[in-house]
Amino acid sequence: LSELLKPCLITSYDIKARRAHFFSQVDAKVKNTHNYPVKEVARATSAAPTYFETALASSEYGIAYPLIDGGVFANNPAMCAYAEARGIVFSEVLNDPLKPDRPHAKEMIMISLGTGSVRKPYHYDKAKDWGMIEWIKPVIDIMMSGNAETVSYQLRKIWETTETPENFIRLEPGLDEANSDMDDASESNLYALNQAGKLFVEGNIGLLDKIVEMLIANK
């Protein structure tokens, strides 16, 4: 983790300590208690419950943590990224005196990438009589999507207080006819996901070109 080229933050959740666990490249560079093999970081942050078994990630210091996918509490980790960036002294971390120390939103460009949205409606005439069993899947769906939407709302409001509201961009493609189930790796669904991605690109060429220009201008 400490050898990654740029500062980064990766989320996971410690099921034993019952708290969020963040992998930080900045912290890993100065503390071996925070340094992990990248393969263990990737395994932990992708350990989605019911799909993959819990990861047991060991730091360079030798402490092991039982971790699962950070999406259970930060389905949209953009706010976590913003908070992390606010605390980094970039002039020191990147060894560049021209970089701002602990930058504010007006000094940042944030490109928030979603993995595709499916807004399945739940109708009153059916939901009004649901009990515990019927609500299990809808509640999880609503909590996950609601969390992501709330974070985008909060960040959009933060950037609206600056002189550069256009510097926060959220890209969230629709999945069109694709199935959002994580374990559907069928050939037909992979094709549908590919088509959904292409449809989003086709409909947002101007915005994507703008993002490229912004990133090149601020590299």
Protein backbone atom coordinates (compact mmCIF):
# COMPACT_ATOMS: atom_id res chain seq x y z
CA LEU A 1 0.00 0.00 0.00
CA SER A 2 2.82 2.42 0.88
CA GLU A 3 4.36 1.94 -2.59
CA LEU A 4 1.34 3.19 -4.53
CA LEU A 5 2.24 6.23 -6.62
CA LYS A 6 -0.46 8.61 -5.37
CA PRO A 7 -2.37 9.19 -2.12
CA CYS A 8 -5.45 7.00 -1.94
CA LEU A 9 -8.11 5.81 0.50
CA ILE A 10 -9.81 2.41 0.33
CA THR A 11 -12.75 1.38 2.49
CA SER A 12 -13.57 -1.82 4.36
CA TYR A 13 -15.42 -2.78 7.55
CA ASP A 14 -14.03 -4.60 10.60
CA ILE A 15 -16.72 -7.05 11.71
CA LYS A 16 -14.96 -7.90 15.01
CA ALA A 17 -14.34 -4.33 16.22
CA ARG A 18 -17.59 -3.19 14.54
CA ARG A 19 -16.09 -0.10 12.94
CA ALA A 20 -15.04 1.28 9.59
CA HIS A 21 -11.52 0.33 8.52
CA PHE A 22 -9.73 2.65 6.09
CA PHE A 23 -6.62 1.76 4.12
CA SER A 24 -4.66 4.99 3.59
CA GLN A 25 -1.56 5.21 1.41
CA VAL A 26 -0.48 8.34 3.28
CA ASP A 27 -0.65 6.57 6.65
CA ALA A 28 0.96 3.42 5.25
CA LYS A 29 4.04 5.38 4.21
CA VAL A 30 4.76 6.40 7.81
CA LYS A 31 3.37 3.54 9.93
CA ASN A 32 3.92 -0.16 9.33
CA THR A 33 0.79 -0.80 11.40
CA HIS A 34 -1.14 0.77 8.49
CA ASN A 35 0.77 -0.89 5.65
CA TYR A 36 -0.67 -3.93 3.85
CA PRO A 37 0.02 -5.94 0.70
CA VAL A 38 -2.20 -4.45 -2.02
CA LYS A 39 -3.67 -7.88 -2.78
CA GLU A 40 -5.04 -8.02 0.79
CA VAL A 41 -6.45 -4.50 0.48
CA ALA A 42 -8.22 -5.47 -2.75
CA ARG A 43 -9.50 -8.69 -1.21
CA ALA A 44 -10.88 -6.89 1.86
CA THR A 45 -12.62 -4.04 0.05
CA SER A 46 -14.34 -6.45 -2.34
CA ALA A 47 -15.48 -9.02 0.27
CA ALA A 48 -19.19 -8.39 -0.33
CA PRO A 49 -21.28 -10.36 2.18
CA THR A 50 -23.05 -13.43 0.77
CA TYR A 51 -20.92 -13.25 -2.38
CA PHE A 52 -17.38 -13.63 -0.97
CA GLU A 53 -16.11 -14.89 2.36
CA THR A 54 -14.77 -12.45 4.94
CA ALA A 55 -11.15 -11.40 4.33
CA LEU A 56 -8.49 -11.71 7.03
CA ALA A 57 -6.06 -8.92 6.18
CA SER A 58 -2.69 -8.75 7.98
CA SER A 59 -0.72 -5.53 8.27
CA GLU A 60 3.05 -5.37 7.94
CA TYR A 61 3.10 -5.07 11.75
CA GLY A 62 1.46 -8.48 12.00
CA ILE A 63 -2.06 -7.65 13.18
CA ALA A 64 -4.91 -9.41 11.36
CA TYR A 65 -8.36 -7.88 10.85
CA PRO A 66 -11.56 -9.68 9.68
CA LEU A 67 -12.82 -7.31 6.99
CA ILE A 68 -15.71 -7.05 4.55
CA ASP A 69 -16.64 -4.76 1.67
CA GLY A 70 -16.67 -1.07 2.66
CA GLY A 71 -19.79 -0.66 0.58
CA VAL A 72 -21.85 -1.80 3.57
CA PHE A 73 -21.36 1.66 5.10
CA ALA A 74 -19.96 3.78 2.25
CA ASN A 75 -21.67 2.63 -0.92
CA ASN A 76 -20.54 5.95 -2.38
CA PRO A 77 -17.11 6.63 -0.81
CA ALA A 78 -16.75 10.10 -2.35
CA MET A 79 -17.32 11.87 0.99
CA CYS A 80 -14.61 9.69 2.56
CA ALA A 81 -12.26 10.71 -0.26
CA TYR A 82 -13.10 14.39 0.27
CA ALA A 83 -12.44 14.16 4.01
CA GLU A 84 -9.13 12.38 3.39
CA ALA A 85 -7.99 14.96 0.83
CA ARG A 86 -8.81 17.82 3.21
CA GLY A 87 -6.31 16.39 5.70
CA ILE A 88 -3.39 15.80 3.34
CA VAL A 89 -0.49 18.26 3.08
CA PHE A 90 -0.01 17.68 -0.65
CA SER A 91 3.05 19.90 -0.92
CA GLU A 92 4.88 17.46 1.37
CA VAL A 93 3.28 14.19 0.27
CA LEU A 94 3.90 14.88 -3.44
CA ASN A 95 7.11 16.85 -2.81
CA ASP A 96 5.72 19.74 -4.82
CA PRO A 97 5.66 23.21 -3.17
CA LEU A 98 3.06 24.39 -5.70
CA LYS A 99 0.46 21.94 -4.41
CA PRO A 100 -1.98 23.33 -1.81
CA ASP A 101 -1.69 22.27 1.82
CA ARG A 102 -4.94 20.71 3.07
CA PRO A 103 -6.95 21.94 0.07
CA HIS A 104 -10.51 23.27 0.20
CA ALA A 105 -13.23 22.20 -2.23
CA LYS A 106 -12.58 25.20 -4.50
CA GLU A 107 -9.05 23.85 -5.02
CA MET A 108 -10.23 20.34 -5.93
CA ILE A 109 -11.79 18.58 -8.87
CA MET A 110 -13.84 15.54 -7.86
CA ILE A 111 -14.99 12.98 -10.40
CA SER A 112 -17.34 10.57 -8.63
CA LEU A 113 -17.87 7.31 -10.55
CA GLY A 114 -20.90 5.15 -9.87
CA THR A 115 -21.15 1.50 -10.87
CA GLY A 116 -24.58 1.79 -12.43
CA SER A 117 -28.00 2.46 -10.96
CA VAL A 118 -31.26 0.56 -11.00
CA ARG A 119 -34.18 2.42 -9.48
CA LYS A 120 -36.71 -0.31 -8.91
CA PRO A 121 -40.02 1.25 -7.80
CA TYR A 122 -41.92 -0.11 -4.82
CA HIS A 123 -45.64 0.60 -5.06
CA TYR A 124 -47.75 1.63 -2.09
CA ASP A 125 -50.57 -0.82 -2.70
CA LYS A 126 -48.10 -3.70 -2.21
CA ALA A 127 -45.61 -2.21 0.28
CA LYS A 128 -48.25 -1.04 2.76
CA ASP A 129 -48.90 -4.61 3.90
CA TRP A 130 -45.32 -5.91 3.90
CA GLY A 131 -43.91 -7.52 7.02
CA MET A 132 -40.34 -8.31 8.07
CA ILE A 133 -39.71 -10.93 5.38
CA GLU A 134 -41.07 -8.84 2.49
CA TRP A 135 -39.07 -5.77 3.57
CA ILE A 136 -35.63 -7.45 3.81
CA LYS A 137 -34.49 -7.03 0.20
CA PRO A 138 -36.22 -3.68 -0.49
CA VAL A 139 -34.76 -2.12 2.68
CA ILE A 140 -31.22 -3.18 1.74
CA ASP A 141 -31.73 -1.83 -1.78
CA ILE A 142 -33.14 1.48 -0.50
CA MET A 143 -30.41 1.91 2.12
CA MET A 144 -27.61 1.27 -0.37
CA SER A 145 -28.94 3.54 -3.10
CA GLY A 146 -30.10 6.16 -0.59
CA ASN A 147 -26.63 6.31 0.95
CA ALA A 148 -25.01 6.90 -2.45
CA GLU A 149 -27.54 9.57 -3.42
CA THR A 150 -27.17 11.38 -0.08
CA VAL A 151 -23.38 11.60 -0.40
CA SER A 152 -23.71 13.07 -3.89
CA TYR A 153 -26.24 15.60 -2.57
CA GLN A 154 -23.92 16.63 0.27
CA LEU A 155 -20.90 17.04 -1.98
CA ARG A 156 -22.87 18.94 -4.60
CA LYS A 157 -23.96 21.38 -1.89
CA ILE A 158 -20.36 21.77 -0.68
CA TRP A 159 -19.16 22.65 -4.17
CA GLU A 160 -22.08 25.02 -4.69
CA THR A 161 -20.65 27.17 -1.89
CA THR A 162 -17.44 27.63 -3.89
CA GLU A 163 -16.81 29.57 -7.09
CA THR A 164 -16.29 26.27 -8.93
CA PRO A 165 -19.49 24.19 -8.61
CA GLU A 166 -18.70 22.57 -11.95
CA ASN A 167 -15.66 20.88 -10.35
CA PHE A 168 -17.85 18.23 -8.74
CA ILE A 169 -19.10 15.74 -11.31
CA ARG A 170 -21.04 12.57 -10.57
CA LEU A 171 -21.16 9.92 -13.29
CA GLU A 172 -23.84 7.30 -12.64
CA PRO A 173 -24.82 5.25 -15.69
CA GLY A 174 -28.16 3.52 -15.87
CA LEU A 175 -27.95 -0.25 -16.29
CA ASP A 176 -30.63 -0.30 -18.99
CA GLU A 177 -31.49 -3.98 -19.59
CA ALA A 178 -28.57 -5.39 -17.60
CA ASN A 179 -29.08 -7.35 -14.39
CA SER A 180 -27.49 -5.67 -11.35
CA ASP A 181 -26.92 -8.91 -9.42
CA MET A 182 -23.20 -9.15 -8.64
CA ASP A 183 -23.05 -12.87 -9.37
CA ASP A 184 -24.63 -12.67 -12.81
CA ALA A 185 -21.56 -13.15 -15.00
CA SER A 186 -23.50 -14.74 -17.86
CA GLU A 187 -22.44 -13.90 -21.38
CA SER A 188 -25.76 -12.18 -22.05
CA ASN A 189 -25.49 -9.98 -18.95
CA LEU A 190 -21.87 -9.04 -19.63
CA TYR A 191 -22.99 -7.96 -23.10
CA ALA A 192 -25.90 -5.96 -21.60
CA LEU A 193 -23.53 -4.23 -19.16
CA ASN A 194 -21.18 -3.38 -22.00
CA GLN A 195 -24.05 -1.92 -24.00
CA ALA A 196 -25.25 0.12 -21.02
CA GLY A 197 -21.76 1.59 -20.68
CA LYS A 198 -21.60 2.48 -24.35
CA LEU A 199 -25.04 4.11 -24.20
CA PHE A 200 -23.89 6.29 -21.31
CA VAL A 201 -20.73 7.33 -23.16
CA GLU A 202 -22.69 8.11 -26.32
CA GLY A 203 -25.10 10.30 -24.38
CA ASN A 204 -22.38 12.15 -22.44
CA ILE A 205 -19.55 12.68 -24.92
CA GLY A 206 -19.43 16.44 -24.28
CA LEU A 207 -19.22 15.98 -20.50
CA LEU A 208 -16.56 13.27 -20.77
CA ASP A 209 -14.46 15.45 -23.09
CA LYS A 210 -14.77 18.28 -20.55
CA ILE A 211 -13.56 15.99 -17.76
CA VAL A 212 -10.54 14.92 -19.81
CA GLU A 213 -9.66 18.54 -20.51
CA MET A 214 -10.00 19.46 -16.82
CA LEU A 215 -7.80 16.59 -15.67
CA ILE A 216 -5.11 17.32 -18.26
CA ALA A 217 -5.13 21.03 -17.39
CA ASN A 218 -4.71 20.23 -13.68
CA LYS A 219 -2.35 17.26 -13.84
